[in-house]
Amino acid sequence: MFQGKSIAEFCYELDQIEDEKILGNETLEIIIGEIWKKTRPRILTYIFLPYMINFSLFIVYISFIFQPYGERTFTDWIIQVPCLLFSLLQLFMEGKQMQNEGASQYLASVGVIWNLLDIASSILV
């Protein structure tokens, strides 16, 4: 049904429609349902699961391993390296989003606070 950038273009055009009544359209609901069936597994695999693994490692590290004045151990590195890799991946994805939208649109969009939080959390980790 959709291939390549056509899904993104369709969602963008749908987002630009001011009249919310169109979202109650049965045909549109079927199309969105089909798009969701195809994108949901990718979102779970490439965004949600890595985030949950990173979050879990970070919580375990902060709660049980981190010593504020101690030396860094091998266990520290085992947990810190995946957290660093995830942060770099997240910065890469934010960079791609900024590149696709353009920096001015990325920083002026309605979701700018979430974009900035994503960047800040990746940098601070």
C-alpha atoms as a PDB file:
ATOM      1  CA  MET A   1       0.000   0.000   0.000  1.00  0.00           C
ATOM      2  CA  PHE A   2       2.626   2.554   1.088  1.00  0.00           C
ATOM      3  CA  GLN A   3       6.279   2.406   0.196  1.00  0.00           C
ATOM      4  CA  GLY A   4       9.280   4.566   0.936  1.00  0.00           C
ATOM      5  CA  LYS A   5       8.553   8.126   1.940  1.00  0.00           C
ATOM      6  CA  SER A   6       4.871   7.872   1.098  1.00  0.00           C
ATOM      7  CA  ILE A   7       3.973   6.870   4.679  1.00  0.00           C
ATOM      8  CA  ALA A   8       5.827   9.878   6.073  1.00  0.00           C
ATOM      9  CA  GLU A   9       4.233  12.172   3.489  1.00  0.00           C
ATOM     10  CA  PHE A  10       0.776  10.761   4.225  1.00  0.00           C
ATOM     11  CA  CYS A  11       1.219  11.224   7.985  1.00  0.00           C
ATOM     12  CA  TYR A  12       2.582  14.735   7.468  1.00  0.00           C
ATOM     13  CA  GLU A  13      -0.385  15.739   5.302  1.00  0.00           C
ATOM     14  CA  LEU A  14      -2.762  14.163   7.811  1.00  0.00           C
ATOM     15  CA  ASP A  15      -1.098  16.165  10.589  1.00  0.00           C
ATOM     16  CA  GLN A  16      -1.611  19.395   8.642  1.00  0.00           C
ATOM     17  CA  ILE A  17      -5.404  18.941   8.426  1.00  0.00           C
ATOM     18  CA  GLU A  18      -7.117  21.312  10.839  1.00  0.00           C
ATOM     19  CA  ASP A  19     -10.495  19.542  10.909  1.00  0.00           C
ATOM     20  CA  GLU A  20     -10.352  16.713  13.460  1.00  0.00           C
ATOM     21  CA  LYS A  21     -13.632  15.237  12.197  1.00  0.00           C
ATOM     22  CA  ILE A  22     -11.696  13.559   9.403  1.00  0.00           C
ATOM     23  CA  LEU A  23     -10.080  11.271  11.978  1.00  0.00           C
ATOM     24  CA  GLY A  24     -13.468   9.610  12.493  1.00  0.00           C
ATOM     25  CA  ASN A  25     -13.511   8.507   8.846  1.00  0.00           C
ATOM     26  CA  GLU A  26     -13.688   4.708   8.695  1.00  0.00           C
ATOM     27  CA  THR A  27     -11.487   4.452   5.592  1.00  0.00           C
ATOM     28  CA  LEU A  28      -8.837   6.611   7.214  1.00  0.00           C
ATOM     29  CA  GLU A  29      -8.979   4.493  10.377  1.00  0.00           C
ATOM     30  CA  ILE A  30      -8.366   1.354   8.286  1.00  0.00           C
ATOM     31  CA  ILE A  31      -5.395   2.969   6.522  1.00  0.00           C
ATOM     32  CA  ILE A  32      -3.899   4.161   9.818  1.00  0.00           C
ATOM     33  CA  GLY A  33      -4.472   0.705  11.318  1.00  0.00           C
ATOM     34  CA  GLU A  34      -2.553  -0.901   8.438  1.00  0.00           C
ATOM     35  CA  ILE A  35       0.289   1.574   8.782  1.00  0.00           C
ATOM     36  CA  TRP A  36       0.397   0.901  12.537  1.00  0.00           C
ATOM     37  CA  LYS A  37       0.550  -2.880  11.964  1.00  0.00           C
ATOM     38  CA  LYS A  38       3.675  -2.392   9.851  1.00  0.00           C
ATOM     39  CA  THR A  39       5.400   0.240  11.983  1.00  0.00           C
ATOM     40  CA  ARG A  40       4.612  -1.031  15.493  1.00  0.00           C
ATOM     41  CA  PRO A  41       7.065  -3.966  15.441  1.00  0.00           C
ATOM     42  CA  ARG A  42       9.828  -1.679  14.176  1.00  0.00           C
ATOM     43  CA  ILE A  43       9.097   0.887  16.880  1.00  0.00           C
ATOM     44  CA  LEU A  44       9.189  -1.838  19.542  1.00  0.00           C
ATOM     45  CA  THR A  45      12.378  -3.397  18.193  1.00  0.00           C
ATOM     46  CA  TYR A  46      14.424  -0.315  17.356  1.00  0.00           C
ATOM     47  CA  ILE A  47      13.188   2.311  19.808  1.00  0.00           C
ATOM     48  CA  PHE A  48      11.273   0.907  22.792  1.00  0.00           C
ATOM     49  CA  LEU A  49      13.368  -2.184  23.617  1.00  0.00           C
ATOM     50  CA  PRO A  50      16.755  -0.415  23.356  1.00  0.00           C
ATOM     51  CA  TYR A  51      15.368   2.401  25.507  1.00  0.00           C
ATOM     52  CA  MET A  52      14.114  -0.042  28.161  1.00  0.00           C
ATOM     53  CA  ILE A  53      17.432  -1.913  28.187  1.00  0.00           C
ATOM     54  CA  ASN A  54      19.316   1.377  28.539  1.00  0.00           C
ATOM     55  CA  PHE A  55      16.948   2.586  31.259  1.00  0.00           C
ATOM     56  CA  SER A  56      17.271  -0.702  33.186  1.00  0.00           C
ATOM     57  CA  LEU A  57      21.072  -0.707  32.945  1.00  0.00           C
ATOM     58  CA  PHE A  58      21.209   2.914  34.066  1.00  0.00           C
ATOM     59  CA  ILE A  59      18.942   2.265  37.088  1.00  0.00           C
ATOM     60  CA  VAL A  60      20.927  -0.834  38.101  1.00  0.00           C
ATOM     61  CA  TYR A  61      24.198   1.062  37.735  1.00  0.00           C
ATOM     62  CA  ILE A  62      23.064   4.099  39.736  1.00  0.00           C
ATOM     63  CA  SER A  63      21.338   2.018  42.423  1.00  0.00           C
ATOM     64  CA  PHE A  64      23.821  -0.780  43.014  1.00  0.00           C
ATOM     65  CA  ILE A  65      27.189  -0.246  41.332  1.00  0.00           C
ATOM     66  CA  PHE A  66      28.102   3.436  41.197  1.00  0.00           C
ATOM     67  CA  GLN A  67      30.553   4.617  43.838  1.00  0.00           C
ATOM     68  CA  PRO A  68      30.872   8.425  43.825  1.00  0.00           C
ATOM     69  CA  TYR A  69      34.420   8.432  45.171  1.00  0.00           C
ATOM     70  CA  GLY A  70      35.561   4.956  44.194  1.00  0.00           C
ATOM     71  CA  GLU A  71      37.642   3.707  41.317  1.00  0.00           C
ATOM     72  CA  ARG A  72      35.977   2.556  38.126  1.00  0.00           C
ATOM     73  CA  THR A  73      35.774  -1.223  37.879  1.00  0.00           C
ATOM     74  CA  PHE A  74      35.219  -3.637  35.025  1.00  0.00           C
ATOM     75  CA  THR A  75      31.542  -3.853  36.047  1.00  0.00           C
ATOM     76  CA  ASP A  76      31.249  -0.090  35.590  1.00  0.00           C
ATOM     77  CA  TRP A  77      32.486  -0.380  32.027  1.00  0.00           C
ATOM     78  CA  ILE A  78      30.220  -3.334  31.216  1.00  0.00           C
ATOM     79  CA  ILE A  79      27.206  -1.161  31.981  1.00  0.00           C
ATOM     80  CA  GLN A  80      28.540   2.213  30.817  1.00  0.00           C
ATOM     81  CA  VAL A  81      29.476   1.106  27.291  1.00  0.00           C
ATOM     82  CA  PRO A  82      25.934  -0.003  26.253  1.00  0.00           C
ATOM     83  CA  CYS A  83      24.527   3.193  27.819  1.00  0.00           C
ATOM     84  CA  LEU A  84      27.007   5.256  25.801  1.00  0.00           C
ATOM     85  CA  LEU A  85      26.185   3.363  22.603  1.00  0.00           C
ATOM     86  CA  PHE A  86      22.468   3.905  23.132  1.00  0.00           C
ATOM     87  CA  SER A  87      23.047   7.617  23.757  1.00  0.00           C
ATOM     88  CA  LEU A  88      25.006   7.858  20.516  1.00  0.00           C
ATOM     89  CA  LEU A  89      22.239   5.994  18.667  1.00  0.00           C
ATOM     90  CA  GLN A  90      19.627   8.341  20.105  1.00  0.00           C
ATOM     91  CA  LEU A  91      21.695  11.395  19.106  1.00  0.00           C
ATOM     92  CA  PHE A  92      22.009   9.923  15.608  1.00  0.00           C
ATOM     93  CA  MET A  93      18.216   9.455  15.374  1.00  0.00           C
ATOM     94  CA  GLU A  94      17.618  13.007  16.606  1.00  0.00           C
ATOM     95  CA  GLY A  95      20.136  14.262  14.045  1.00  0.00           C
ATOM     96  CA  LYS A  96      18.311  12.398  11.261  1.00  0.00           C
ATOM     97  CA  GLN A  97      15.017  13.871  12.449  1.00  0.00           C
ATOM     98  CA  MET A  98      16.543  17.355  12.456  1.00  0.00           C
ATOM     99  CA  GLN A  99      17.998  16.777   8.995  1.00  0.00           C
ATOM    100  CA  ASN A 100      14.667  15.553   7.593  1.00  0.00           C
ATOM    101  CA  GLU A 101      12.619  18.373   9.128  1.00  0.00           C
ATOM    102  CA  GLY A 102      15.216  21.100   8.862  1.00  0.00           C
ATOM    103  CA  ALA A 103      16.765  22.659  11.957  1.00  0.00           C
ATOM    104  CA  SER A 104      14.349  25.607  12.102  1.00  0.00           C
ATOM    105  CA  GLN A 105      11.262  23.341  11.901  1.00  0.00           C
ATOM    106  CA  TYR A 106      12.797  20.887  14.394  1.00  0.00           C
ATOM    107  CA  LEU A 107      13.400  23.640  16.949  1.00  0.00           C
ATOM    108  CA  ALA A 108      10.144  25.510  16.270  1.00  0.00           C
ATOM    109  CA  SER A 109       7.758  22.553  16.230  1.00  0.00           C
ATOM    110  CA  VAL A 110       5.075  21.900  18.837  1.00  0.00           C
ATOM    111  CA  GLY A 111       7.127  19.011  20.229  1.00  0.00           C
ATOM    112  CA  VAL A 112      10.315  21.042  20.679  1.00  0.00           C
ATOM    113  CA  ILE A 113      10.421  20.291  24.411  1.00  0.00           C
ATOM    114  CA  TRP A 114      10.523  16.536  23.698  1.00  0.00           C
ATOM    115  CA  ASN A 115      13.224  17.013  21.070  1.00  0.00           C
ATOM    116  CA  LEU A 116      15.326  19.017  23.512  1.00  0.00           C
ATOM    117  CA  LEU A 117      14.756  16.461  26.296  1.00  0.00           C
ATOM    118  CA  ASP A 118      15.884  13.654  23.979  1.00  0.00           C
ATOM    119  CA  ILE A 119      19.065  15.521  23.104  1.00  0.00           C
ATOM    120  CA  ALA A 120      19.756  16.594  26.704  1.00  0.00           C
ATOM    121  CA  SER A 121      19.239  13.104  28.125  1.00  0.00           C
ATOM    122  CA  SER A 122      21.587  11.611  25.549  1.00  0.00           C
ATOM    123  CA  ILE A 123      24.286  14.188  26.197  1.00  0.00           C
ATOM    124  CA  LEU A 124      24.018  14.035  29.996  1.00  0.00           C
ATOM    125  CA  VAL A 125      24.308  10.239  30.193  1.00  0.00           C
END
